[in-house]
Amino acid sequence: MSVHLISADEAMARYDRFDAVVDARSEGEHAEDHLPGALNWPSLDNEERIRVGTLYKQVSPFEAQKIGAALVAANISRHIQAHVLDKPKSWQPLIYCWRGGKRSNSLALILGQIGFKVHLIEGGYKAFRKAVVEDTPRRVAPLQFRVLCGPTGSGKTRLLQALAAQGAQVLDLEAIASHRASVLGVIPGQPQPTQKAFETRLWDALRRLNPARPVFVEAESKKVGNLTIPDSLMAAMRASPCVRLELSLADRVRLLMEDYDYFAQDAAFFCERLDKLIDLKGRALIDDWKARVHAGQTAEVVAELLEKHYDPGYETSTARNFVHYAQAAVLQLAGPDHSAMANAARQWLKHSAQVS
């Protein structure tokens, strides 16, 4: 048998060396959060966990363990049939469950007896989660952030994507959070991850960055939708050099109409999101905007949203939160289309190389 118990820190350090990471918890636990790229091979599924837990409390631990063992054995057999029979002897998985207990041990024991070299996380997901929280500030500390600033619709996300296409390092917090970071930032069909999953995905992105090269990131508030950016990252961003993007109002409206096209296509959904602004803007203005959206004047409403809601106070707020904003270099964008963004990315990277 070849089963090796390793700490969460060691699993982190060797993470990319494993051929697979296997989560032996239920599908519900896996959905809440899991290690990056982990496969879900439940030793007990959601319903089975409830059944065994009920037996444990209402009948006896012994009866629960008998039923649990039968269910776990059957599930492991199915996982081996479905996922393991084609694996070579050199295949080395990393396995975990909630606290490194019976569920992952059972799977690791069978795989080890087959002849695979198996690594098991001591303390399971709970220990790895603790390590993620502790390691994130250490990952942030050496990074050189360049913060893209600019009012809503100025092309920050598009430029970030263009910079990535040019080979620059980027940290796309909105993509990780599945949200566009405003009251209207909900993306249809893309629910946000849990806070724990967001932090795990963020750690996974941070660990892949090279501290010797700058990292471009959008200026964000503390929260992206319902998710909170870790304090260490927020503090580092706010203390970093800034780049201010400038784009005409007409081009900003055009960009938003393209990137938020689902609002133009679904007036009811847009109006539902506008209702979130009633406390800030008053019911009369929101009702007026909603009536005009239903009348097909979405672009005009978007322009007013920028002028009356998003833009007021932007300069003051950004200057207050990002200490180098007053000295930000200005990047004038020729337009919102992808070719203009690609050209701006090339020019900015060339400029940055010359300055450095």
Protein backbone atom coordinates (compact mmCIF):
# COMPACT_ATOMS: atom_id res chain seq x y z
CA MET A 1 0.00 0.00 0.00
CA SER A 2 1.27 3.49 -0.88
CA VAL A 3 -0.69 6.24 0.92
CA HIS A 4 1.23 9.32 2.06
CA LEU A 5 -0.21 11.84 4.51
CA ILE A 6 0.92 15.42 3.74
CA SER A 7 0.14 18.80 5.28
CA ALA A 8 -1.97 21.43 3.54
CA ASP A 9 1.12 23.62 3.12
CA GLU A 10 3.01 20.78 1.44
CA ALA A 11 0.02 20.07 -0.80
CA MET A 12 0.06 23.75 -1.83
CA ALA A 13 3.78 23.70 -2.57
CA ARG A 14 3.48 20.56 -4.71
CA TYR A 15 0.02 21.24 -6.12
CA ASP A 16 0.85 21.18 -9.83
CA ARG A 17 2.82 17.93 -9.54
CA PHE A 18 -0.22 15.75 -8.86
CA ASP A 19 -1.91 14.03 -11.78
CA ALA A 20 -5.34 14.67 -10.27
CA VAL A 21 -6.92 16.25 -7.21
CA VAL A 22 -9.89 14.26 -5.94
CA ASP A 23 -12.58 15.61 -3.62
CA ALA A 24 -14.25 12.71 -1.78
CA ARG A 25 -16.94 14.94 -0.23
CA SER A 26 -20.55 15.16 -1.38
CA GLU A 27 -21.55 17.13 -4.46
CA GLY A 28 -23.10 19.80 -2.21
CA GLU A 29 -19.87 20.35 -0.29
CA HIS A 30 -17.93 20.38 -3.56
CA ALA A 31 -20.24 23.02 -5.04
CA GLU A 32 -19.76 25.33 -2.04
CA ASP A 33 -15.97 25.30 -2.52
CA HIS A 34 -13.24 22.90 -3.57
CA LEU A 35 -9.54 22.84 -4.29
CA PRO A 36 -8.64 24.26 -7.73
CA GLY A 37 -9.47 21.82 -10.51
CA ALA A 38 -10.60 19.12 -8.08
CA LEU A 39 -12.65 16.20 -9.42
CA ASN A 40 -15.66 15.22 -7.32
CA TRP A 41 -15.81 11.51 -6.45
CA PRO A 42 -18.24 11.46 -3.51
CA SER A 43 -17.78 8.65 -1.02
CA LEU A 44 -21.29 9.58 0.11
CA ASP A 45 -23.59 11.77 -1.96
CA ASN A 46 -25.92 14.42 -0.50
CA GLU A 47 -28.81 12.07 0.26
CA GLU A 48 -26.54 9.34 1.60
CA ARG A 49 -24.85 11.76 4.00
CA ILE A 50 -28.25 12.76 5.37
CA ARG A 51 -29.30 9.12 5.70
CA VAL A 52 -26.13 8.08 7.54
CA GLY A 53 -26.17 11.19 9.73
CA THR A 54 -29.78 10.55 10.74
CA LEU A 55 -28.97 6.93 11.64
CA TYR A 56 -26.00 8.11 13.68
CA LYS A 57 -28.13 10.47 15.76
CA GLN A 58 -31.42 8.56 15.96
CA VAL A 59 -30.32 4.90 16.07
CA SER A 60 -26.63 4.38 16.87
CA PRO A 61 -23.15 5.14 15.55
CA PHE A 62 -22.60 1.42 14.93
CA GLU A 63 -25.66 1.06 12.68
CA ALA A 64 -24.71 4.25 10.84
CA GLN A 65 -21.17 3.00 10.26
CA LYS A 66 -22.40 -0.30 8.81
CA ILE A 67 -24.71 1.39 6.33
CA GLY A 68 -22.12 4.07 5.61
CA ALA A 69 -19.45 1.46 4.89
CA ALA A 70 -21.73 -0.33 2.43
CA LEU A 71 -22.57 2.90 0.61
CA VAL A 72 -18.95 4.10 0.52
CA ALA A 73 -17.73 0.74 -0.81
CA ALA A 74 -20.33 0.80 -3.59
CA ASN A 75 -19.50 4.39 -4.54
CA ILE A 76 -15.75 3.78 -4.59
CA SER A 77 -16.32 0.79 -6.82
CA ARG A 78 -18.24 2.96 -9.28
CA HIS A 79 -15.52 5.63 -9.24
CA ILE A 80 -12.84 3.04 -9.99
CA GLN A 81 -14.89 1.61 -12.84
CA ALA A 82 -15.59 5.02 -14.31
CA HIS A 83 -12.32 6.88 -13.74
CA VAL A 84 -9.42 4.65 -12.70
CA LEU A 85 -9.25 1.60 -14.94
CA ASP A 86 -7.43 3.51 -17.68
CA LYS A 87 -4.84 5.04 -15.34
CA PRO A 88 -1.18 3.89 -15.50
CA LYS A 89 0.62 2.77 -12.35
CA SER A 90 2.51 6.08 -12.33
CA TRP A 91 -0.73 8.05 -11.79
CA GLN A 92 -0.49 10.01 -8.52
CA PRO A 93 -3.64 11.62 -7.09
CA LEU A 94 -4.07 14.04 -4.19
CA ILE A 95 -7.19 13.18 -2.18
CA TYR A 96 -9.12 15.01 0.51
CA CYS A 97 -12.47 15.15 2.29
CA TRP A 98 -13.75 17.53 4.97
CA ARG A 99 -11.17 16.85 7.67
CA GLY A 100 -9.10 14.03 6.19
CA GLY A 101 -11.27 11.39 7.83
CA LYS A 102 -13.07 8.26 6.78
CA ARG A 103 -14.36 9.35 3.38
CA SER A 104 -10.99 10.22 1.88
CA ASN A 105 -9.15 7.53 3.82
CA SER A 106 -11.43 4.84 2.39
CA LEU A 107 -10.78 5.96 -1.18
CA ALA A 108 -7.06 6.42 -0.56
CA LEU A 109 -6.78 2.96 1.03
CA ILE A 110 -8.30 1.20 -2.00
CA LEU A 111 -6.26 3.18 -4.53
CA GLY A 112 -3.11 2.58 -2.51
CA GLN A 113 -3.79 -1.15 -2.35
CA ILE A 114 -4.22 -1.18 -6.12
CA GLY A 115 -0.68 0.16 -6.37
CA PHE A 116 -1.06 3.89 -6.98
CA LYS A 117 1.02 6.40 -5.03
CA VAL A 118 -1.66 8.36 -3.21
CA HIS A 119 -1.28 11.57 -1.21
CA LEU A 120 -3.84 12.47 1.42
CA ILE A 121 -4.21 15.98 2.89
CA GLU A 122 -3.90 15.92 6.65
CA GLY A 123 -6.87 17.84 7.98
CA GLY A 124 -8.62 17.71 4.60
CA TYR A 125 -10.46 20.64 3.03
CA LYS A 126 -10.69 22.42 6.37
CA ALA A 127 -6.89 22.57 6.69
CA PHE A 128 -6.44 23.60 3.06
CA ARG A 129 -9.03 26.35 3.44
CA LYS A 130 -7.12 27.71 6.46
CA ALA A 131 -3.89 27.58 4.45
CA VAL A 132 -5.49 29.51 1.56
CA VAL A 133 -6.56 32.31 3.90
CA GLU A 134 -3.08 32.48 5.45
CA ASP A 135 -1.18 32.18 2.16
CA THR A 136 -3.12 34.82 0.21
CA PRO A 137 -1.40 37.84 1.87
CA ARG A 138 1.97 36.19 1.24
CA ARG A 139 1.09 35.83 -2.44
CA VAL A 140 -0.06 39.46 -2.65
CA ALA A 141 2.92 41.04 -0.89
CA PRO A 142 5.58 40.79 -3.65
CA LEU A 143 3.30 41.66 -6.58
CA GLN A 144 3.61 44.93 -8.53
CA PHE A 145 0.07 46.06 -9.34
CA ARG A 146 -0.89 48.59 -12.00
CA VAL A 147 -4.45 49.72 -11.36
CA LEU A 148 -6.73 50.62 -14.29
CA CYS A 149 -9.02 53.46 -13.23
CA GLY A 150 -11.80 55.21 -15.08
CA PRO A 151 -15.54 55.79 -14.72
CA THR A 152 -18.09 53.12 -15.60
CA GLY A 153 -17.98 52.20 -19.28
CA SER A 154 -14.49 53.57 -19.88
CA GLY A 155 -13.21 50.20 -21.08
CA LYS A 156 -11.28 48.88 -18.08
CA THR A 157 -12.33 45.26 -18.59
CA ARG A 158 -11.77 45.37 -22.34
CA LEU A 159 -8.32 46.88 -21.91
CA LEU A 160 -7.51 44.28 -19.27
CA GLN A 161 -8.43 41.55 -21.74
CA ALA A 162 -6.40 43.25 -24.48
CA LEU A 163 -3.40 43.45 -22.17
CA ALA A 164 -3.71 39.72 -21.42
CA ALA A 165 -3.86 38.98 -25.15
CA GLN A 166 -0.60 40.92 -25.53
CA GLY A 167 1.05 38.69 -22.93
CA ALA A 168 0.76 40.99 -19.94
CA GLN A 169 -0.08 39.62 -16.51
CA VAL A 170 -3.61 40.46 -15.41
CA LEU A 171 -5.79 39.72 -12.42
CA ASP A 172 -9.42 39.83 -13.54
CA LEU A 173 -11.38 40.05 -10.30
CA GLU A 174 -14.74 40.46 -12.02
CA ALA A 175 -14.21 37.27 -14.02
CA ILE A 176 -13.24 35.38 -10.87
CA ALA A 177 -16.30 36.78 -9.08
CA SER A 178 -18.71 36.29 -12.03
CA HIS A 179 -19.98 39.85 -11.61
CA ARG A 180 -19.40 43.26 -13.20
CA ALA A 181 -19.06 45.05 -9.89
CA SER A 182 -22.04 47.40 -9.75
CA VAL A 183 -25.71 47.28 -8.87
CA LEU A 184 -26.32 46.42 -12.54
CA GLY A 185 -23.41 43.97 -12.66
CA VAL A 186 -25.36 40.73 -12.34
CA ILE A 187 -24.57 38.44 -15.29
CA PRO A 188 -27.61 36.37 -16.38
CA GLY A 189 -27.02 32.64 -16.09
CA GLN A 190 -23.78 33.11 -14.14
CA PRO A 191 -24.39 32.93 -10.40
CA GLN A 192 -21.59 34.19 -8.22
CA PRO A 193 -19.45 31.63 -6.39
CA THR A 194 -19.57 31.45 -2.62
CA GLN A 195 -17.17 33.68 -0.69
CA LYS A 196 -15.00 30.66 0.08
CA ALA A 197 -14.92 29.57 -3.56
CA PHE A 198 -14.07 33.12 -4.65
CA GLU A 199 -11.14 33.21 -2.25
CA THR A 200 -9.89 29.82 -3.43
CA ARG A 201 -10.10 30.87 -7.08
CA LEU A 202 -8.35 34.12 -6.24
CA TRP A 203 -5.54 32.28 -4.45
CA ASP A 204 -5.17 30.00 -7.47
CA ALA A 205 -4.84 33.05 -9.75
CA LEU A 206 -2.39 34.79 -7.43
CA ARG A 207 -0.07 31.81 -7.15
CA ARG A 208 0.36 31.77 -10.93
CA LEU A 209 1.61 35.38 -11.13
CA ASN A 210 5.28 36.27 -11.53
CA PRO A 211 6.35 38.88 -8.94
CA ALA A 212 9.09 40.09 -11.30
CA ARG A 213 6.49 41.40 -13.78
CA PRO A 214 3.72 43.98 -13.26
CA VAL A 215 0.16 42.79 -12.74
CA PHE A 216 -2.68 44.82 -14.28
CA VAL A 217 -5.93 44.92 -12.32
CA GLU A 218 -9.11 47.00 -12.42
CA ALA A 219 -9.84 49.47 -9.65
CA GLU A 220 -12.59 47.88 -7.58
CA SER A 221 -14.50 48.73 -4.46
CA LYS A 222 -14.28 46.41 -1.48
CA LYS A 223 -17.09 44.25 -2.84
CA VAL A 224 -17.65 42.71 -6.25
CA GLY A 225 -21.34 41.94 -6.21
CA ASN A 226 -21.91 39.94 -3.02
CA LEU A 227 -18.26 38.97 -2.65
CA THR A 228 -15.60 40.70 -0.57
CA ILE A 229 -12.04 41.19 -1.79
CA PRO A 230 -9.49 40.09 0.86
CA ASP A 231 -8.06 42.96 2.88
CA SER A 232 -4.45 42.27 1.87
CA LEU A 233 -5.25 42.51 -1.84
CA MET A 234 -7.46 45.57 -1.42
CA ALA A 235 -4.74 47.38 0.52
CA ALA A 236 -2.09 46.50 -2.08
CA MET A 237 -4.26 47.72 -4.95
CA ARG A 238 -5.08 50.99 -3.23
CA ALA A 239 -1.37 51.68 -2.63
CA SER A 240 -0.33 50.92 -6.23
CA PRO A 241 0.30 53.19 -9.25
CA CYS A 242 -2.78 54.01 -11.30
CA VAL A 243 -3.59 54.46 -14.99
CA ARG A 244 -6.64 56.57 -15.86
CA LEU A 245 -8.65 55.54 -18.93
CA GLU A 246 -10.56 58.22 -20.80
CA LEU A 247 -13.33 57.53 -23.31
CA SER A 248 -16.05 59.82 -24.64
CA LEU A 249 -19.56 59.57 -23.19
CA ALA A 250 -20.96 58.38 -26.53
CA ASP A 251 -18.35 55.62 -26.73
CA ARG A 252 -18.97 54.63 -23.12
CA VAL A 253 -22.68 54.22 -23.86
CA ARG A 254 -21.85 52.19 -26.96
CA LEU A 255 -19.52 49.95 -24.97
CA LEU A 256 -22.11 49.35 -22.26
CA MET A 257 -24.84 48.63 -24.78
CA GLU A 258 -22.57 45.96 -26.26
CA ASP A 259 -21.30 44.44 -23.03
CA TYR A 260 -24.70 44.59 -21.30
CA ASP A 261 -26.72 43.68 -24.39
CA TYR A 262 -28.99 41.46 -22.28
CA PHE A 263 -30.47 44.62 -20.75
CA ALA A 264 -31.43 45.90 -24.19
CA GLN A 265 -32.90 42.50 -25.05
CA ASP A 266 -34.79 42.07 -21.77
CA ALA A 267 -36.43 45.31 -20.64
CA ALA A 268 -38.08 43.62 -17.65
CA PHE A 269 -34.73 42.42 -16.33
CA PHE A 270 -33.17 45.86 -16.77
CA CYS A 271 -36.08 47.48 -14.93
CA GLU A 272 -35.78 44.95 -12.12
CA ARG A 273 -32.14 45.99 -11.64
CA LEU A 274 -33.06 49.69 -11.83
CA ASP A 275 -35.39 49.16 -8.87
CA LYS A 276 -32.27 48.58 -6.74
CA LEU A 277 -31.50 52.29 -7.16
CA ILE A 278 -34.80 53.62 -5.80
CA ASP A 279 -33.37 54.46 -2.37
CA LEU A 280 -30.51 56.40 -3.98
CA LYS A 281 -32.24 58.14 -6.89
CA GLY A 282 -35.89 58.27 -5.88
CA ARG A 283 -38.89 56.43 -7.25
CA ALA A 284 -39.90 59.19 -9.68
CA LEU A 285 -36.63 59.08 -11.62
CA ILE A 286 -36.48 55.28 -11.61
CA ASP A 287 -40.07 55.04 -12.85
CA ASP A 288 -39.22 57.51 -15.62
CA TRP A 289 -36.18 55.45 -16.63
CA LYS A 290 -38.22 52.25 -16.61
CA ALA A 291 -40.93 53.77 -18.81
CA ARG A 292 -38.30 54.93 -21.29
CA VAL A 293 -36.61 51.52 -21.31
CA HIS A 294 -39.95 49.93 -22.21
CA ALA A 295 -40.30 52.59 -24.92
CA GLY A 296 -37.02 51.44 -26.49
CA GLN A 297 -34.87 54.31 -25.21
CA THR A 298 -32.36 52.09 -23.39
CA ALA A 299 -29.26 53.88 -24.73
CA GLU A 300 -30.59 57.23 -23.55
CA VAL A 301 -31.29 55.80 -20.09
CA VAL A 302 -27.77 54.33 -19.96
CA ALA A 303 -26.33 57.78 -20.73
CA GLU A 304 -28.34 59.31 -17.90
CA LEU A 305 -27.31 56.50 -15.57
CA LEU A 306 -23.71 57.43 -16.22
CA GLU A 307 -24.24 61.16 -15.81
CA LYS A 308 -26.62 61.07 -12.83
CA HIS A 309 -25.61 57.94 -10.93
CA TYR A 310 -22.18 56.56 -11.78
CA ASP A 311 -20.10 59.63 -12.62
CA PRO A 312 -20.97 62.01 -9.75
CA GLY A 313 -18.44 61.57 -7.01
CA TYR A 314 -16.25 59.17 -9.01
CA GLU A 315 -13.17 61.39 -8.89
CA THR A 316 -13.51 62.10 -5.18
CA SER A 317 -14.16 58.47 -4.27
CA THR A 318 -11.31 57.11 -6.38
CA ALA A 319 -8.85 59.71 -5.14
CA ARG A 320 -9.84 58.92 -1.55
CA ASN A 321 -9.33 55.17 -1.94
CA PHE A 322 -6.37 54.96 -4.35
CA VAL A 323 -3.51 57.03 -2.98
CA HIS A 324 -1.67 57.46 -6.30
CA TYR A 325 -4.74 58.37 -8.37
CA ALA A 326 -3.84 62.08 -8.47
CA GLN A 327 -0.59 61.17 -10.24
CA ALA A 328 -2.19 58.64 -12.59
CA ALA A 329 -0.97 58.58 -16.17
CA VAL A 330 -3.79 59.21 -18.64
CA LEU A 331 -4.54 56.75 -21.42
CA GLN A 332 -6.87 58.29 -24.01
CA LEU A 333 -8.74 55.53 -25.82
CA ALA A 334 -9.61 55.98 -29.49
CA GLY A 335 -12.80 54.00 -29.13
CA PRO A 336 -14.47 51.06 -27.42
CA ASP A 337 -13.93 48.48 -30.18
CA HIS A 338 -11.51 45.61 -29.65
CA SER A 339 -9.03 46.84 -32.26
CA ALA A 340 -8.73 50.19 -30.46
CA MET A 341 -8.22 48.37 -27.16
CA ALA A 342 -5.57 46.11 -28.68
CA ASN A 343 -3.73 49.14 -30.06
CA ALA A 344 -3.95 50.93 -26.71
CA ALA A 345 -2.60 47.83 -24.94
CA ARG A 346 0.36 47.61 -27.30
CA GLN A 347 1.15 51.31 -26.91
CA TRP A 348 0.85 51.22 -23.14
CA LEU A 349 3.05 48.14 -22.74
CA LYS A 350 5.67 49.75 -25.01
CA HIS A 351 5.48 52.97 -22.98
CA SER A 352 5.74 51.05 -19.69
CA ALA A 353 8.80 49.16 -20.92
CA GLN A 354 10.51 52.42 -21.90
CA VAL A 355 9.71 54.08 -18.58
CA SER A 356 10.92 51.12 -16.53
